[in-house]
Amino acid sequence: MQTDILSELKTIREKKGGLGSDDLREIGEKHGKNLAGVYSVSTFYTETSPAKRGKYRINICRSLPCRMKGMEEILSNLMDELKIGPEGVTEDGLFSLHMVNCIGACDSAPAMLVNDELFGDLTGGKVRQIIKDIRNGKGE
């Protein structure tokens, strides 16, 4: 049953770019869960979070290895470049920035995922180039 709820949350999120309380309520009614129950499931998993996301979801790792190798500087560079904070979406809807606990790339820390593409051994210059490339259509 939880798998069905997760699947529906992910499907609706992908179609709409976010999940509203009406979506959560509808899923809950379908599966015999209250709104709070569906909301708690949706917020537990990054891929089903109700928060709005950009076309390019940037998940920056905040694990200890990434922190030790300068994740805070990378995050600062991203926030400056995108003009948003964590969990924010750029005005054009192109980028959203999310802090995640681990992306499994400790060997290339600091690291981030842009949608499903891994970028590691990040520097401020690399981050700016990645964003520039995506904006210029090289991220398609």
Protein backbone atom coordinates (compact mmCIF):
# COMPACT_ATOMS: atom_id res chain seq x y z
CA MET A 1 0.00 0.00 0.00
CA GLN A 2 2.82 2.45 0.86
CA THR A 3 4.43 1.59 -2.49
CA ASP A 4 1.20 2.59 -4.25
CA ILE A 5 1.10 5.89 -2.38
CA LEU A 6 4.74 6.63 -3.23
CA SER A 7 4.17 5.77 -6.87
CA GLU A 8 1.17 8.09 -7.09
CA LEU A 9 2.98 10.90 -5.30
CA LYS A 10 5.91 10.64 -7.69
CA THR A 11 3.66 10.49 -10.77
CA ILE A 12 1.65 13.56 -9.79
CA ARG A 13 4.81 15.45 -8.79
CA GLU A 14 6.39 14.75 -12.17
CA LYS A 15 3.27 15.85 -14.06
CA LYS A 16 2.61 19.03 -12.07
CA GLY A 17 6.07 19.95 -10.76
CA GLY A 18 4.76 19.90 -7.20
CA LEU A 19 2.10 18.47 -4.92
CA GLY A 20 -0.75 20.50 -3.51
CA SER A 21 -2.84 19.70 -0.46
CA ASP A 22 -5.70 18.67 -2.78
CA ASP A 23 -3.41 16.09 -4.40
CA LEU A 24 -2.34 14.73 -1.01
CA ARG A 25 -5.94 14.65 0.24
CA GLU A 26 -7.11 12.82 -2.90
CA ILE A 27 -4.39 10.18 -2.57
CA GLY A 28 -5.23 9.78 1.11
CA GLU A 29 -8.92 9.25 0.41
CA LYS A 30 -8.09 6.68 -2.25
CA HIS A 31 -5.89 4.71 0.16
CA GLY A 32 -7.77 5.27 3.43
CA LYS A 33 -5.15 7.64 4.89
CA ASN A 34 -5.61 11.11 6.34
CA LEU A 35 -3.87 14.18 4.95
CA ALA A 36 -1.23 14.19 7.70
CA GLY A 37 -0.33 10.56 6.97
CA VAL A 38 0.14 11.15 3.25
CA TYR A 39 2.04 14.38 3.92
CA SER A 40 4.44 12.60 6.27
CA VAL A 41 5.15 9.96 3.61
CA SER A 42 5.62 12.61 0.92
CA THR A 43 8.07 14.68 2.95
CA PHE A 44 10.18 11.71 4.04
CA TYR A 45 11.40 10.99 0.50
CA THR A 46 13.20 13.60 -1.62
CA GLU A 47 11.55 12.44 -4.83
CA THR A 48 8.03 12.84 -3.44
CA SER A 49 8.49 16.05 -1.46
CA PRO A 50 5.64 18.49 -2.03
CA ALA A 51 8.08 21.40 -2.40
CA LYS A 52 8.18 23.03 -5.82
CA ARG A 53 11.13 22.03 -7.96
CA GLY A 54 12.77 23.48 -11.01
CA LYS A 55 13.31 21.72 -14.31
CA TYR A 56 16.83 21.03 -13.03
CA ARG A 57 16.86 19.77 -9.44
CA ILE A 58 20.20 20.39 -7.78
CA ASN A 59 20.69 18.06 -4.83
CA ILE A 60 23.77 19.09 -2.91
CA CYS A 61 25.19 16.61 -0.46
CA ARG A 62 25.56 17.75 3.14
CA SER A 63 27.21 14.59 4.49
CA LEU A 64 30.34 14.78 6.62
CA PRO A 65 32.78 13.97 3.75
CA CYS A 66 31.28 16.74 1.61
CA ARG A 67 31.32 19.17 4.54
CA MET A 68 34.97 18.35 5.23
CA LYS A 69 35.86 19.06 1.60
CA GLY A 70 34.15 22.44 1.33
CA MET A 71 30.46 21.87 0.71
CA GLU A 72 29.58 25.15 2.46
CA GLU A 73 31.60 27.11 -0.12
CA ILE A 74 29.95 25.20 -2.97
CA LEU A 75 26.52 25.88 -1.50
CA SER A 76 27.37 29.56 -1.18
CA ASN A 77 28.50 29.64 -4.83
CA LEU A 78 25.26 27.97 -5.94
CA MET A 79 23.11 30.36 -3.92
CA ASP A 80 24.98 33.37 -5.36
CA GLU A 81 24.81 32.04 -8.91
CA LEU A 82 21.14 31.05 -8.76
CA LYS A 83 19.96 33.86 -6.43
CA ILE A 84 18.03 31.36 -4.27
CA GLY A 85 18.50 29.58 -0.97
CA PRO A 86 18.03 25.91 -0.11
CA GLU A 87 14.59 24.64 -1.14
CA GLY A 88 14.22 27.66 -3.42
CA VAL A 89 13.30 27.77 -7.09
CA THR A 90 14.71 30.32 -9.55
CA GLU A 91 12.24 32.86 -10.92
CA ASP A 92 12.36 31.24 -14.36
CA GLY A 93 11.60 27.82 -12.84
CA LEU A 94 14.76 26.36 -14.34
CA PHE A 95 16.62 25.44 -11.12
CA SER A 96 15.76 24.37 -7.60
CA LEU A 97 18.29 23.81 -4.84
CA HIS A 98 17.91 21.02 -2.28
CA MET A 99 20.09 19.86 0.60
CA VAL A 100 20.21 16.06 0.89
CA ASN A 101 21.86 13.82 3.44
CA CYS A 102 23.88 11.64 1.08
CA ILE A 103 24.17 10.98 -2.63
CA GLY A 104 26.67 8.13 -2.34
CA ALA A 105 29.57 10.02 -3.88
CA CYS A 106 31.93 10.38 -0.91
CA ASP A 107 34.91 9.52 -3.09
CA SER A 108 34.32 12.66 -5.17
CA ALA A 109 33.26 15.06 -2.41
CA PRO A 110 32.06 17.75 -2.50
CA ALA A 111 29.40 16.51 -4.88
CA MET A 112 25.93 17.27 -6.20
CA LEU A 113 23.34 15.73 -8.44
CA VAL A 114 21.63 17.73 -11.15
CA ASN A 115 18.55 15.65 -11.81
CA ASP A 116 20.27 12.26 -12.08
CA GLU A 117 23.70 13.43 -13.25
CA LEU A 118 26.53 13.36 -10.72
CA PHE A 119 29.07 16.16 -10.48
CA GLY A 120 31.96 15.66 -8.08
CA ASP A 121 35.18 17.25 -6.92
CA LEU A 122 33.33 20.55 -7.12
CA THR A 123 34.91 23.98 -7.02
CA GLY A 124 33.32 27.40 -7.34
CA GLY A 125 34.47 27.56 -10.97
CA LYS A 126 33.03 24.13 -11.79
CA VAL A 127 29.69 25.06 -10.27
CA ARG A 128 29.46 28.29 -12.29
CA GLN A 129 30.37 26.40 -15.49
CA ILE A 130 27.77 23.68 -14.86
CA ILE A 131 25.04 26.29 -14.36
CA LYS A 132 26.21 28.23 -17.42
CA ASP A 133 26.20 25.08 -19.57
CA ILE A 134 22.69 24.17 -18.49
CA ARG A 135 21.43 27.70 -19.15
CA ASN A 136 23.03 27.59 -22.62
CA GLY A 137 21.28 24.33 -23.46
CA LYS A 138 24.20 21.98 -22.93
CA GLY A 139 22.40 20.29 -20.06
CA GLU A 140 19.65 18.87 -22.25
